[in-house]
């Protein structure tokens, strides 16, 4: 399923999983550009009204 996308932004829907979790898919080109891999740990933080996803550093 393709979703509308501009050059710097992609629109995604929030989907509920189970009773207490949600997920949003990340565009493949973003993952490739960041060099992220499947099962990689990431850090999720809330900053004001934004959610920031960063590579997890040990």
N, C-alpha and C. Protein backbone atom coordinates (compact mmCIF):
# COMPACT_ATOMS: atom_id res chain seq x y z
N UNK A 1 0.85 -1.17 0.00
CA UNK A 1 0.00 0.00 0.00
C UNK A 1 0.89 1.23 0.00
N UNK A 2 0.86 2.02 -1.03
CA UNK A 2 1.65 3.23 -1.13
C UNK A 2 0.89 4.40 -0.51
N UNK A 3 1.61 5.22 0.22
CA UNK A 3 1.02 6.40 0.84
C UNK A 3 1.64 7.65 0.24
N UNK A 4 0.91 8.77 0.31
CA UNK A 4 1.40 10.02 -0.26
C UNK A 4 2.73 10.40 0.38
N UNK A 5 3.66 10.88 -0.46
CA UNK A 5 4.98 11.21 0.04
C UNK A 5 5.53 12.41 -0.72
N UNK A 6 6.10 13.36 0.01
CA UNK A 6 6.80 14.46 -0.64
C UNK A 6 8.29 14.21 -0.51
N UNK A 7 9.12 15.11 -0.97
CA UNK A 7 10.55 14.88 -0.97
C UNK A 7 11.13 14.79 0.44
N UNK A 8 10.54 15.44 1.44
CA UNK A 8 11.13 15.43 2.78
C UNK A 8 10.19 14.87 3.83
N UNK A 9 9.06 14.32 3.42
CA UNK A 9 8.07 13.92 4.41
C UNK A 9 7.19 12.81 3.86
N UNK A 10 6.80 11.89 4.72
CA UNK A 10 5.91 10.79 4.33
C UNK A 10 4.75 10.75 5.31
N UNK A 11 3.55 10.52 4.83
CA UNK A 11 2.37 10.44 5.68
C UNK A 11 2.12 8.97 6.02
N UNK A 12 1.96 8.68 7.28
CA UNK A 12 1.70 7.33 7.77
C UNK A 12 0.53 7.34 8.73
N UNK A 13 -0.10 6.18 8.94
CA UNK A 13 -1.17 6.04 9.92
C UNK A 13 -0.64 5.34 11.16
N UNK A 14 -1.23 5.65 12.30
CA UNK A 14 -0.89 4.99 13.55
C UNK A 14 -1.81 3.77 13.67
N UNK A 15 -1.23 2.61 13.97
CA UNK A 15 -1.98 1.37 14.07
C UNK A 15 -1.83 0.78 15.46
N UNK A 16 -2.94 0.34 16.06
CA UNK A 16 -2.91 -0.25 17.39
C UNK A 16 -2.56 -1.72 17.30
N UNK A 17 -1.70 -2.18 18.22
CA UNK A 17 -1.28 -3.57 18.30
C UNK A 17 -1.50 -4.03 19.74
N UNK A 18 -2.30 -5.05 19.94
CA UNK A 18 -2.56 -5.52 21.29
C UNK A 18 -3.33 -4.49 22.09
N UNK A 19 -3.14 -4.46 23.39
CA UNK A 19 -3.91 -3.57 24.24
C UNK A 19 -3.28 -2.23 24.54
N UNK A 20 -1.94 -2.15 24.50
CA UNK A 20 -1.29 -0.94 24.99
C UNK A 20 -0.20 -0.39 24.07
N UNK A 21 -0.07 -0.91 22.87
CA UNK A 21 1.00 -0.47 21.98
C UNK A 21 0.45 -0.01 20.64
N UNK A 22 1.22 0.85 19.99
CA UNK A 22 0.91 1.35 18.66
C UNK A 22 2.18 1.28 17.82
N UNK A 23 2.01 1.29 16.50
CA UNK A 23 3.19 1.36 15.64
C UNK A 23 2.93 2.27 14.46
N UNK A 24 4.04 2.79 13.93
CA UNK A 24 4.04 3.60 12.71
C UNK A 24 5.18 3.05 11.86
N UNK A 25 4.93 2.80 10.59
CA UNK A 25 6.00 2.31 9.73
C UNK A 25 6.91 3.48 9.32
N UNK A 26 8.17 3.16 9.14
CA UNK A 26 9.16 4.15 8.73
C UNK A 26 9.50 3.86 7.26
N UNK A 27 9.48 4.87 6.40
CA UNK A 27 9.78 4.64 4.98
C UNK A 27 11.14 3.96 4.78
N UNK A 28 11.19 3.01 3.87
CA UNK A 28 12.41 2.25 3.60
C UNK A 28 13.58 3.14 3.20
N UNK A 29 13.33 4.18 2.42
CA UNK A 29 14.44 5.04 2.02
C UNK A 29 15.05 5.76 3.22
N UNK A 30 14.26 6.07 4.25
CA UNK A 30 14.81 6.68 5.47
C UNK A 30 15.71 5.68 6.19
N UNK A 31 15.25 4.43 6.29
CA UNK A 31 16.02 3.38 6.97
C UNK A 31 17.35 3.15 6.26
N UNK A 32 17.29 3.08 4.95
CA UNK A 32 18.53 2.88 4.17
C UNK A 32 19.48 4.06 4.32
N UNK A 33 18.95 5.27 4.26
CA UNK A 33 19.78 6.47 4.38
C UNK A 33 20.48 6.52 5.74
N UNK A 34 19.80 6.07 6.79
CA UNK A 34 20.37 6.08 8.14
C UNK A 34 21.28 4.88 8.40
N UNK A 35 21.22 3.88 7.52
CA UNK A 35 22.04 2.68 7.69
C UNK A 35 21.52 1.77 8.79
N UNK A 36 20.23 1.85 9.11
CA UNK A 36 19.63 1.03 10.15
C UNK A 36 19.33 -0.37 9.61
N UNK A 37 19.30 -1.35 10.51
CA UNK A 37 19.05 -2.73 10.16
C UNK A 37 17.89 -3.30 10.98
N UNK A 38 17.33 -4.40 10.51
CA UNK A 38 16.26 -5.09 11.24
C UNK A 38 16.77 -5.51 12.62
N UNK A 39 15.94 -5.37 13.63
CA UNK A 39 16.23 -5.71 15.03
C UNK A 39 17.21 -4.76 15.70
N UNK A 40 17.59 -3.69 15.05
CA UNK A 40 18.48 -2.70 15.65
C UNK A 40 17.74 -1.99 16.78
N UNK A 41 18.45 -1.70 17.88
CA UNK A 41 17.83 -0.97 18.98
C UNK A 41 17.82 0.52 18.66
N UNK A 42 16.70 1.17 18.97
CA UNK A 42 16.58 2.61 18.80
C UNK A 42 16.05 3.21 20.10
N UNK A 43 16.30 4.48 20.30
CA UNK A 43 15.84 5.20 21.47
C UNK A 43 14.69 6.11 21.04
N UNK A 44 13.57 6.05 21.75
CA UNK A 44 12.40 6.85 21.43
C UNK A 44 12.18 7.85 22.56
N UNK A 45 12.18 9.15 22.22
CA UNK A 45 11.97 10.19 23.22
C UNK A 45 10.89 11.15 22.75
N UNK A 46 10.24 11.78 23.70
CA UNK A 46 9.21 12.78 23.40
C UNK A 46 9.79 14.15 23.68
N UNK A 47 9.65 15.05 22.73
CA UNK A 47 10.16 16.41 22.87
C UNK A 47 9.03 17.35 22.46
N UNK A 48 8.33 17.90 23.46
CA UNK A 48 7.16 18.72 23.16
C UNK A 48 6.10 17.87 22.50
N UNK A 49 5.65 18.26 21.32
CA UNK A 49 4.63 17.50 20.58
C UNK A 49 5.25 16.61 19.51
N UNK A 50 6.54 16.33 19.63
CA UNK A 50 7.24 15.50 18.64
C UNK A 50 7.79 14.24 19.30
N UNK A 51 7.92 13.19 18.53
CA UNK A 51 8.57 11.97 18.95
C UNK A 51 9.85 11.84 18.13
N UNK A 52 10.96 11.62 18.82
CA UNK A 52 12.26 11.52 18.16
C UNK A 52 12.76 10.08 18.28
N UNK A 53 13.12 9.49 17.14
CA UNK A 53 13.66 8.12 17.12
C UNK A 53 15.12 8.23 16.69
N UNK A 54 16.01 7.77 17.58
CA UNK A 54 17.45 7.85 17.32
C UNK A 54 18.10 6.48 17.52
N UNK A 55 19.25 6.30 16.92
CA UNK A 55 20.03 5.09 17.13
C UNK A 55 20.36 4.99 18.62
N UNK A 56 20.22 3.79 19.17
CA UNK A 56 20.51 3.55 20.58
C UNK A 56 22.01 3.43 20.77
N UNK A 57 22.52 4.16 21.73
CA UNK A 57 23.96 4.11 22.03
C UNK A 57 24.16 3.50 23.39
N UNK A 58 24.98 2.44 23.45
CA UNK A 58 25.25 1.73 24.71
C UNK A 58 26.00 2.57 25.69
